[in-house]
Amino acid sequence: MGKWAEEALKRLREMGLDPYRAWLCAEYGMCPEDVDHAEVDRLVFMLVADLEAEGRNPVAEWEKRHMEERAGKRPAVATA
């Protein structure tokens, strides 16, 4: 994992967000009340860009998980 991804993960964890919850916040606005949406969006962008540079596609995994949750195939994560 690159420098940008490590920095983004550290900051997201300080905000109480795992990468998936952060993506939900950035993509769908499903953010806890005390979280700055713009900052989360920036951090998710940094994380995704770094992981994609390594050949990984975290967004595809998160989208699949989100669709499974919406379909009731997987318990939904609390976002607020």
N, C-alpha and C. Protein backbone atom coordinates (compact mmCIF):
# COMPACT_ATOMS: atom_id res chain seq x y z
N MET A 1 0.85 -1.17 0.00
CA MET A 1 0.00 0.00 0.00
C MET A 1 0.90 1.23 0.00
N GLY A 2 0.51 2.18 -0.82
CA GLY A 2 1.31 3.38 -0.98
C GLY A 2 1.11 4.39 0.14
N LYS A 3 1.92 5.41 0.06
CA LYS A 3 1.93 6.47 1.07
C LYS A 3 0.57 7.17 1.19
N TRP A 4 -0.06 7.47 0.05
CA TRP A 4 -1.34 8.17 0.08
C TRP A 4 -2.43 7.32 0.71
N ALA A 5 -2.44 6.04 0.38
CA ALA A 5 -3.44 5.14 0.94
C ALA A 5 -3.24 5.00 2.45
N GLU A 6 -2.01 4.87 2.88
CA GLU A 6 -1.74 4.76 4.32
C GLU A 6 -2.19 6.02 5.06
N GLU A 7 -1.90 7.18 4.49
CA GLU A 7 -2.30 8.44 5.11
C GLU A 7 -3.83 8.55 5.17
N ALA A 8 -4.49 8.19 4.08
CA ALA A 8 -5.95 8.26 4.03
C ALA A 8 -6.58 7.30 5.04
N LEU A 9 -6.07 6.07 5.11
CA LEU A 9 -6.60 5.10 6.06
C LEU A 9 -6.43 5.58 7.50
N LYS A 10 -5.27 6.13 7.80
CA LYS A 10 -5.01 6.63 9.15
C LYS A 10 -6.02 7.71 9.52
N ARG A 11 -6.21 8.65 8.62
CA ARG A 11 -7.14 9.76 8.90
C ARG A 11 -8.59 9.27 8.98
N LEU A 12 -8.97 8.36 8.10
CA LEU A 12 -10.34 7.81 8.14
C LEU A 12 -10.58 7.09 9.46
N ARG A 13 -9.61 6.32 9.90
CA ARG A 13 -9.75 5.61 11.19
C ARG A 13 -9.87 6.59 12.35
N GLU A 14 -9.13 7.69 12.29
CA GLU A 14 -9.25 8.72 13.32
C GLU A 14 -10.66 9.30 13.34
N MET A 15 -11.31 9.31 12.18
CA MET A 15 -12.68 9.81 12.07
C MET A 15 -13.72 8.74 12.43
N GLY A 16 -13.24 7.53 12.73
CA GLY A 16 -14.13 6.44 13.10
C GLY A 16 -14.74 5.72 11.91
N LEU A 17 -14.10 5.81 10.75
CA LEU A 17 -14.62 5.19 9.54
C LEU A 17 -13.68 4.13 8.99
N ASP A 18 -14.23 2.99 8.61
CA ASP A 18 -13.44 2.03 7.85
C ASP A 18 -13.57 2.41 6.38
N PRO A 19 -12.78 1.83 5.50
CA PRO A 19 -12.83 2.23 4.09
C PRO A 19 -14.22 2.10 3.45
N TYR A 20 -14.95 1.04 3.76
CA TYR A 20 -16.28 0.86 3.18
C TYR A 20 -17.25 1.94 3.65
N ARG A 21 -17.29 2.18 4.95
CA ARG A 21 -18.18 3.24 5.48
C ARG A 21 -17.79 4.60 4.92
N ALA A 22 -16.50 4.84 4.73
CA ALA A 22 -16.05 6.10 4.15
C ALA A 22 -16.53 6.22 2.71
N TRP A 23 -16.47 5.13 1.96
CA TRP A 23 -16.94 5.15 0.58
C TRP A 23 -18.44 5.43 0.52
N LEU A 24 -19.21 4.80 1.43
CA LEU A 24 -20.66 5.07 1.48
C LEU A 24 -20.91 6.55 1.73
N CYS A 25 -20.12 7.13 2.59
CA CYS A 25 -20.25 8.56 2.90
C CYS A 25 -19.94 9.40 1.66
N ALA A 26 -18.83 9.10 1.01
CA ALA A 26 -18.41 9.87 -0.16
C ALA A 26 -19.35 9.67 -1.34
N GLU A 27 -19.77 8.44 -1.57
CA GLU A 27 -20.56 8.12 -2.76
C GLU A 27 -22.04 8.43 -2.61
N TYR A 28 -22.59 8.13 -1.44
CA TYR A 28 -24.04 8.24 -1.24
C TYR A 28 -24.46 9.25 -0.18
N GLY A 29 -23.48 9.91 0.43
CA GLY A 29 -23.80 10.89 1.47
C GLY A 29 -24.27 10.26 2.76
N MET A 30 -23.99 8.97 2.93
CA MET A 30 -24.39 8.24 4.15
C MET A 30 -23.31 8.41 5.21
N CYS A 31 -23.22 9.64 5.73
CA CYS A 31 -22.16 9.99 6.66
C CYS A 31 -22.69 10.16 8.08
N PRO A 32 -21.89 9.79 9.06
CA PRO A 32 -22.24 10.16 10.43
C PRO A 32 -22.32 11.68 10.54
N GLU A 33 -23.13 12.17 11.44
CA GLU A 33 -23.37 13.61 11.56
C GLU A 33 -22.10 14.43 11.83
N ASP A 34 -21.17 13.87 12.56
CA ASP A 34 -19.99 14.64 12.97
C ASP A 34 -18.82 14.54 11.98
N VAL A 35 -19.08 14.04 10.78
CA VAL A 35 -18.02 13.83 9.80
C VAL A 35 -18.13 14.86 8.67
N ASP A 36 -16.99 15.40 8.28
CA ASP A 36 -16.93 16.36 7.18
C ASP A 36 -16.95 15.59 5.86
N HIS A 37 -18.07 15.68 5.15
CA HIS A 37 -18.25 14.93 3.90
C HIS A 37 -17.15 15.24 2.89
N ALA A 38 -16.78 16.50 2.74
CA ALA A 38 -15.77 16.89 1.76
C ALA A 38 -14.42 16.26 2.09
N GLU A 39 -14.07 16.21 3.36
CA GLU A 39 -12.80 15.61 3.75
C GLU A 39 -12.82 14.11 3.49
N VAL A 40 -13.92 13.46 3.82
CA VAL A 40 -14.04 12.02 3.56
C VAL A 40 -13.94 11.76 2.06
N ASP A 41 -14.58 12.57 1.26
CA ASP A 41 -14.53 12.41 -0.19
C ASP A 41 -13.09 12.49 -0.69
N ARG A 42 -12.36 13.47 -0.18
CA ARG A 42 -10.95 13.63 -0.58
C ARG A 42 -10.11 12.43 -0.17
N LEU A 43 -10.32 11.95 1.06
CA LEU A 43 -9.55 10.81 1.56
C LEU A 43 -9.88 9.52 0.80
N VAL A 44 -11.14 9.32 0.49
CA VAL A 44 -11.53 8.13 -0.29
C VAL A 44 -10.89 8.21 -1.68
N PHE A 45 -10.90 9.39 -2.28
CA PHE A 45 -10.26 9.55 -3.59
C PHE A 45 -8.78 9.18 -3.51
N MET A 46 -8.08 9.66 -2.48
CA MET A 46 -6.66 9.34 -2.31
C MET A 46 -6.46 7.83 -2.15
N LEU A 47 -7.30 7.21 -1.33
CA LEU A 47 -7.19 5.78 -1.08
C LEU A 47 -7.42 4.99 -2.37
N VAL A 48 -8.49 5.29 -3.05
CA VAL A 48 -8.84 4.55 -4.28
C VAL A 48 -7.76 4.74 -5.35
N ALA A 49 -7.29 5.97 -5.54
CA ALA A 49 -6.26 6.23 -6.55
C ALA A 49 -5.01 5.42 -6.28
N ASP A 50 -4.59 5.36 -5.03
CA ASP A 50 -3.39 4.62 -4.67
C ASP A 50 -3.60 3.12 -4.89
N LEU A 51 -4.74 2.59 -4.47
CA LEU A 51 -4.99 1.16 -4.63
C LEU A 51 -5.16 0.78 -6.10
N GLU A 52 -5.79 1.64 -6.88
CA GLU A 52 -5.93 1.36 -8.31
C GLU A 52 -4.58 1.37 -9.01
N ALA A 53 -3.65 2.20 -8.55
CA ALA A 53 -2.31 2.23 -9.11
C ALA A 53 -1.59 0.90 -8.86
N GLU A 54 -2.01 0.19 -7.82
CA GLU A 54 -1.45 -1.13 -7.52
C GLU A 54 -2.21 -2.25 -8.22
N GLY A 55 -3.20 -1.89 -9.02
CA GLY A 55 -3.96 -2.89 -9.75
C GLY A 55 -5.17 -3.42 -9.01
N ARG A 56 -5.52 -2.82 -7.90
CA ARG A 56 -6.69 -3.25 -7.12
C ARG A 56 -7.89 -2.40 -7.49
N ASN A 57 -9.09 -2.93 -7.24
CA ASN A 57 -10.32 -2.20 -7.56
C ASN A 57 -11.25 -2.25 -6.35
N PRO A 58 -10.97 -1.44 -5.32
CA PRO A 58 -11.80 -1.50 -4.13
C PRO A 58 -13.24 -1.04 -4.37
N VAL A 59 -13.45 -0.13 -5.30
CA VAL A 59 -14.80 0.38 -5.55
C VAL A 59 -15.71 -0.75 -6.04
N ALA A 60 -15.20 -1.62 -6.88
CA ALA A 60 -16.01 -2.75 -7.35
C ALA A 60 -16.43 -3.63 -6.19
N GLU A 61 -15.52 -3.89 -5.26
CA GLU A 61 -15.83 -4.69 -4.07
C GLU A 61 -16.88 -3.99 -3.21
N TRP A 62 -16.72 -2.69 -3.01
CA TRP A 62 -17.66 -1.94 -2.17
C TRP A 62 -19.03 -1.85 -2.82
N GLU A 63 -19.05 -1.66 -4.14
CA GLU A 63 -20.34 -1.61 -4.85
C GLU A 63 -21.07 -2.94 -4.72
N LYS A 64 -20.33 -4.04 -4.87
CA LYS A 64 -20.94 -5.38 -4.74
C LYS A 64 -21.50 -5.56 -3.33
N ARG A 65 -20.73 -5.19 -2.33
CA ARG A 65 -21.18 -5.31 -0.95
C ARG A 65 -22.44 -4.46 -0.71
N HIS A 66 -22.44 -3.24 -1.22
CA HIS A 66 -23.58 -2.35 -1.04
C HIS A 66 -24.84 -2.94 -1.70
N MET A 67 -24.69 -3.49 -2.89
CA MET A 67 -25.84 -4.09 -3.57
C MET A 67 -26.35 -5.32 -2.80
N GLU A 68 -25.45 -6.10 -2.25
CA GLU A 68 -25.85 -7.26 -1.44
C GLU A 68 -26.59 -6.82 -0.19
N GLU A 69 -26.13 -5.75 0.44
CA GLU A 69 -26.82 -5.22 1.61
C GLU A 69 -28.21 -4.73 1.25
N ARG A 70 -28.31 -4.02 0.14
CA ARG A 70 -29.61 -3.49 -0.28
C ARG A 70 -30.58 -4.61 -0.66
N ALA A 71 -30.05 -5.72 -1.15
CA ALA A 71 -30.88 -6.85 -1.56
C ALA A 71 -31.21 -7.75 -0.36
N GLY A 72 -30.66 -7.43 0.81
CA GLY A 72 -30.90 -8.24 2.00
C GLY A 72 -30.08 -9.50 2.06
N LYS A 73 -29.09 -9.63 1.21
CA LYS A 73 -28.22 -10.82 1.19
C LYS A 73 -27.10 -10.71 2.20
N ARG A 74 -26.95 -9.54 2.78
CA ARG A 74 -25.86 -9.29 3.73
C ARG A 74 -26.37 -8.24 4.72
N PRO A 75 -26.05 -8.40 5.99
CA PRO A 75 -26.50 -7.37 6.96
C PRO A 75 -25.91 -6.01 6.61
N ALA A 76 -26.73 -5.00 6.69
CA ALA A 76 -26.27 -3.63 6.36
C ALA A 76 -25.41 -3.09 7.49
N VAL A 77 -24.45 -2.27 7.12
CA VAL A 77 -23.56 -1.63 8.08
C VAL A 77 -24.24 -0.36 8.59
N ALA A 78 -24.07 -0.08 9.86
CA ALA A 78 -24.60 1.17 10.42
C ALA A 78 -23.74 2.32 9.92
N THR A 79 -24.39 3.40 9.48
CA THR A 79 -23.62 4.52 8.93
C THR A 79 -23.77 5.80 9.73
N ALA A 80 -24.66 5.85 10.67
CA ALA A 80 -24.81 7.10 11.44
C ALA A 80 -24.87 6.83 12.91
